[in-house]
Amino acid sequence: MQLRQSLTVQPAASFLATFTSFYPTKTLSYLFLWGFLWVSYGSLLGLYSILIFFLHFQKLPEVDTYLGDIFYHFHKMGL
């Protein structure tokens, strides 16, 4: 039990130790982690928008109707 716990905790602890030694203050390390998460989230949104654009121009009726309904409701809500 203790071996399994040390195996799961050790990589996260070593990563945080390496990360905080590279960025000495906690504020810089948290800002860097927040920026990394923000950029990865933005890239996922970009991939999702490319997928929607690709599927929209495939002219598949079920996908076109589904996306049309989504965009219509967004338009009604004022977004």
N, C-alpha and C. Protein backbone atom coordinates (compact mmCIF):
# COMPACT_ATOMS: atom_id res chain seq x y z
N MET A 1 0.82 -1.20 0.00
CA MET A 1 0.00 0.00 0.00
C MET A 1 0.87 1.26 0.00
N GLN A 2 1.90 1.23 0.83
CA GLN A 2 2.76 2.40 0.90
C GLN A 2 3.59 2.55 -0.36
N LEU A 3 3.98 1.44 -0.97
CA LEU A 3 4.74 1.50 -2.22
C LEU A 3 3.89 2.11 -3.33
N ARG A 4 2.63 1.70 -3.41
CA ARG A 4 1.75 2.25 -4.43
C ARG A 4 1.54 3.75 -4.22
N GLN A 5 1.40 4.16 -2.98
CA GLN A 5 1.20 5.58 -2.69
C GLN A 5 2.44 6.38 -3.05
N SER A 6 3.62 5.84 -2.78
CA SER A 6 4.84 6.57 -3.11
C SER A 6 5.04 6.65 -4.61
N LEU A 7 4.58 5.65 -5.34
CA LEU A 7 4.71 5.69 -6.80
C LEU A 7 3.78 6.73 -7.41
N THR A 8 2.62 6.93 -6.81
CA THR A 8 1.70 7.91 -7.39
C THR A 8 2.05 9.33 -6.98
N VAL A 9 2.59 9.52 -5.78
CA VAL A 9 2.89 10.87 -5.31
C VAL A 9 4.22 11.36 -5.85
N GLN A 10 5.16 10.47 -6.06
CA GLN A 10 6.52 10.86 -6.40
C GLN A 10 6.62 11.65 -7.72
N PRO A 11 5.98 11.25 -8.83
CA PRO A 11 6.16 12.05 -10.05
C PRO A 11 5.63 13.47 -9.91
N ALA A 12 4.50 13.63 -9.23
CA ALA A 12 3.96 14.98 -9.05
C ALA A 12 4.87 15.81 -8.16
N ALA A 13 5.41 15.19 -7.11
CA ALA A 13 6.30 15.92 -6.21
C ALA A 13 7.59 16.30 -6.91
N SER A 14 8.14 15.39 -7.72
CA SER A 14 9.38 15.72 -8.41
C SER A 14 9.14 16.78 -9.48
N PHE A 15 7.98 16.74 -10.13
CA PHE A 15 7.67 17.76 -11.13
C PHE A 15 7.54 19.13 -10.47
N LEU A 16 6.84 19.17 -9.33
CA LEU A 16 6.68 20.45 -8.64
C LEU A 16 8.01 20.96 -8.09
N ALA A 17 8.86 20.05 -7.63
CA ALA A 17 10.16 20.48 -7.13
C ALA A 17 11.01 21.04 -8.26
N THR A 18 11.00 20.39 -9.41
CA THR A 18 11.74 20.89 -10.56
C THR A 18 11.16 22.21 -11.04
N PHE A 19 9.85 22.30 -11.05
CA PHE A 19 9.18 23.50 -11.54
C PHE A 19 9.45 24.69 -10.63
N THR A 20 9.36 24.47 -9.31
CA THR A 20 9.59 25.59 -8.40
C THR A 20 11.06 25.95 -8.29
N SER A 21 11.96 25.02 -8.62
CA SER A 21 13.38 25.40 -8.63
C SER A 21 13.68 26.22 -9.89
N PHE A 22 12.95 25.97 -10.97
CA PHE A 22 13.15 26.76 -12.18
C PHE A 22 12.56 28.15 -12.03
N TYR A 23 11.39 28.23 -11.43
CA TYR A 23 10.76 29.52 -11.12
C TYR A 23 10.80 29.68 -9.60
N PRO A 24 11.68 30.53 -9.08
CA PRO A 24 11.93 30.53 -7.63
C PRO A 24 10.75 31.00 -6.78
N THR A 25 9.94 31.91 -7.27
CA THR A 25 8.83 32.38 -6.44
C THR A 25 7.56 31.64 -6.79
N LYS A 26 6.69 31.51 -5.82
CA LYS A 26 5.44 30.81 -6.06
C LYS A 26 4.55 31.58 -7.03
N THR A 27 4.61 32.90 -6.97
CA THR A 27 3.76 33.70 -7.85
C THR A 27 4.12 33.46 -9.30
N LEU A 28 5.41 33.43 -9.61
CA LEU A 28 5.82 33.19 -11.00
C LEU A 28 5.44 31.79 -11.44
N SER A 29 5.59 30.82 -10.56
CA SER A 29 5.25 29.45 -10.95
C SER A 29 3.75 29.31 -11.18
N TYR A 30 2.94 29.95 -10.32
CA TYR A 30 1.49 29.88 -10.52
C TYR A 30 1.07 30.62 -11.78
N LEU A 31 1.70 31.75 -12.06
CA LEU A 31 1.38 32.47 -13.29
C LEU A 31 1.75 31.66 -14.52
N PHE A 32 2.89 30.98 -14.45
CA PHE A 32 3.29 30.15 -15.59
C PHE A 32 2.34 28.98 -15.78
N LEU A 33 1.95 28.33 -14.68
CA LEU A 33 1.00 27.22 -14.79
C LEU A 33 -0.34 27.70 -15.32
N TRP A 34 -0.81 28.85 -14.84
CA TRP A 34 -2.08 29.40 -15.32
C TRP A 34 -1.99 29.74 -16.80
N GLY A 35 -0.86 30.31 -17.23
CA GLY A 35 -0.68 30.61 -18.64
C GLY A 35 -0.64 29.36 -19.49
N PHE A 36 0.02 28.32 -18.99
CA PHE A 36 0.07 27.07 -19.73
C PHE A 36 -1.32 26.47 -19.89
N LEU A 37 -2.11 26.49 -18.81
CA LEU A 37 -3.47 25.97 -18.90
C LEU A 37 -4.33 26.82 -19.84
N TRP A 38 -4.14 28.13 -19.81
CA TRP A 38 -4.91 29.02 -20.67
C TRP A 38 -4.58 28.78 -22.14
N VAL A 39 -3.29 28.60 -22.45
CA VAL A 39 -2.89 28.36 -23.84
C VAL A 39 -3.39 27.01 -24.31
N SER A 40 -3.32 26.00 -23.46
CA SER A 40 -3.81 24.68 -23.88
C SER A 40 -5.32 24.70 -24.08
N TYR A 41 -6.03 25.44 -23.23
CA TYR A 41 -7.48 25.57 -23.41
C TYR A 41 -7.80 26.31 -24.71
N GLY A 42 -7.04 27.35 -25.01
CA GLY A 42 -7.26 28.08 -26.26
C GLY A 42 -6.97 27.23 -27.48
N SER A 43 -5.94 26.39 -27.40
CA SER A 43 -5.64 25.54 -28.55
C SER A 43 -6.73 24.48 -28.73
N LEU A 44 -7.30 23.99 -27.63
CA LEU A 44 -8.41 23.05 -27.76
C LEU A 44 -9.63 23.73 -28.38
N LEU A 45 -9.89 24.97 -27.98
CA LEU A 45 -11.00 25.71 -28.59
C LEU A 45 -10.75 25.95 -30.08
N GLY A 46 -9.49 26.22 -30.43
CA GLY A 46 -9.16 26.41 -31.84
C GLY A 46 -9.37 25.15 -32.64
N LEU A 47 -8.97 24.01 -32.09
CA LEU A 47 -9.18 22.74 -32.79
C LEU A 47 -10.67 22.44 -32.93
N TYR A 48 -11.45 22.77 -31.89
CA TYR A 48 -12.88 22.54 -31.95
C TYR A 48 -13.54 23.43 -33.00
N SER A 49 -13.09 24.68 -33.12
CA SER A 49 -13.67 25.57 -34.13
C SER A 49 -13.30 25.11 -35.53
N ILE A 50 -12.08 24.60 -35.72
CA ILE A 50 -11.70 24.06 -37.03
C ILE A 50 -12.56 22.85 -37.37
N LEU A 51 -12.84 22.01 -36.36
CA LEU A 51 -13.69 20.84 -36.59
C LEU A 51 -15.10 21.27 -36.97
N ILE A 52 -15.65 22.27 -36.30
CA ILE A 52 -16.99 22.76 -36.64
C ILE A 52 -17.00 23.34 -38.05
N PHE A 53 -15.96 24.11 -38.40
CA PHE A 53 -15.88 24.69 -39.73
C PHE A 53 -15.81 23.60 -40.79
N PHE A 54 -15.01 22.56 -40.53
CA PHE A 54 -14.87 21.46 -41.49
C PHE A 54 -16.18 20.71 -41.64
N LEU A 55 -16.84 20.42 -40.52
CA LEU A 55 -18.09 19.67 -40.59
C LEU A 55 -19.22 20.49 -41.20
N HIS A 56 -19.16 21.80 -41.02
CA HIS A 56 -20.22 22.64 -41.56
C HIS A 56 -20.18 22.64 -43.09
N PHE A 57 -18.98 22.60 -43.65
CA PHE A 57 -18.87 22.63 -45.10
C PHE A 57 -18.83 21.25 -45.73
N GLN A 58 -19.05 20.21 -44.95
CA GLN A 58 -19.20 18.87 -45.53
C GLN A 58 -20.62 18.67 -46.07
N LYS A 59 -21.52 19.54 -45.68
CA LYS A 59 -22.92 19.50 -46.12
C LYS A 59 -23.60 18.19 -45.74
N LEU A 60 -23.28 17.71 -44.55
CA LEU A 60 -24.02 16.58 -44.02
C LEU A 60 -25.29 17.13 -43.38
N PRO A 61 -26.45 16.63 -43.76
CA PRO A 61 -27.68 17.28 -43.29
C PRO A 61 -27.86 17.24 -41.78
N GLU A 62 -27.48 16.11 -41.13
CA GLU A 62 -27.71 16.05 -39.69
C GLU A 62 -26.75 16.97 -38.94
N VAL A 63 -25.51 17.06 -39.41
CA VAL A 63 -24.55 17.96 -38.76
C VAL A 63 -24.93 19.41 -39.03
N ASP A 64 -25.34 19.70 -40.26
CA ASP A 64 -25.70 21.07 -40.61
C ASP A 64 -26.92 21.52 -39.81
N THR A 65 -27.90 20.65 -39.65
CA THR A 65 -29.09 21.00 -38.87
C THR A 65 -28.74 21.19 -37.41
N TYR A 66 -27.90 20.30 -36.88
CA TYR A 66 -27.51 20.40 -35.48
C TYR A 66 -26.75 21.70 -35.20
N LEU A 67 -25.77 22.01 -36.05
CA LEU A 67 -25.01 23.24 -35.86
C LEU A 67 -25.88 24.47 -36.11
N GLY A 68 -26.80 24.37 -37.08
CA GLY A 68 -27.72 25.48 -37.33
C GLY A 68 -28.60 25.77 -36.13
N ASP A 69 -29.06 24.71 -35.46
CA ASP A 69 -29.86 24.91 -34.24
C ASP A 69 -29.05 25.58 -33.14
N ILE A 70 -27.80 25.14 -32.99
CA ILE A 70 -26.95 25.74 -31.96
C ILE A 70 -26.72 27.21 -32.25
N PHE A 71 -26.35 27.53 -33.49
CA PHE A 71 -26.08 28.93 -33.84
C PHE A 71 -27.35 29.78 -33.76
N TYR A 72 -28.52 29.18 -34.08
CA TYR A 72 -29.77 29.92 -33.98
C TYR A 72 -30.08 30.28 -32.53
N HIS A 73 -29.87 29.34 -31.61
CA HIS A 73 -30.14 29.62 -30.20
C HIS A 73 -29.15 30.65 -29.65
N PHE A 74 -27.88 30.58 -30.09
CA PHE A 74 -26.91 31.60 -29.67
C PHE A 74 -27.33 32.97 -30.19
N HIS A 75 -27.84 33.00 -31.43
CA HIS A 75 -28.26 34.27 -32.01
C HIS A 75 -29.48 34.83 -31.26
N LYS A 76 -30.41 33.95 -30.87
CA LYS A 76 -31.57 34.40 -30.11
C LYS A 76 -31.18 34.94 -28.74
N MET A 77 -30.14 34.35 -28.14
CA MET A 77 -29.70 34.81 -26.83
C MET A 77 -28.88 36.08 -26.93
N GLY A 78 -28.50 36.48 -28.12
CA GLY A 78 -27.74 37.71 -28.29
C GLY A 78 -26.25 37.52 -28.24
N LEU A 79 -25.78 36.30 -28.39
CA LEU A 79 -24.33 36.05 -28.34
C LEU A 79 -23.73 36.07 -29.73
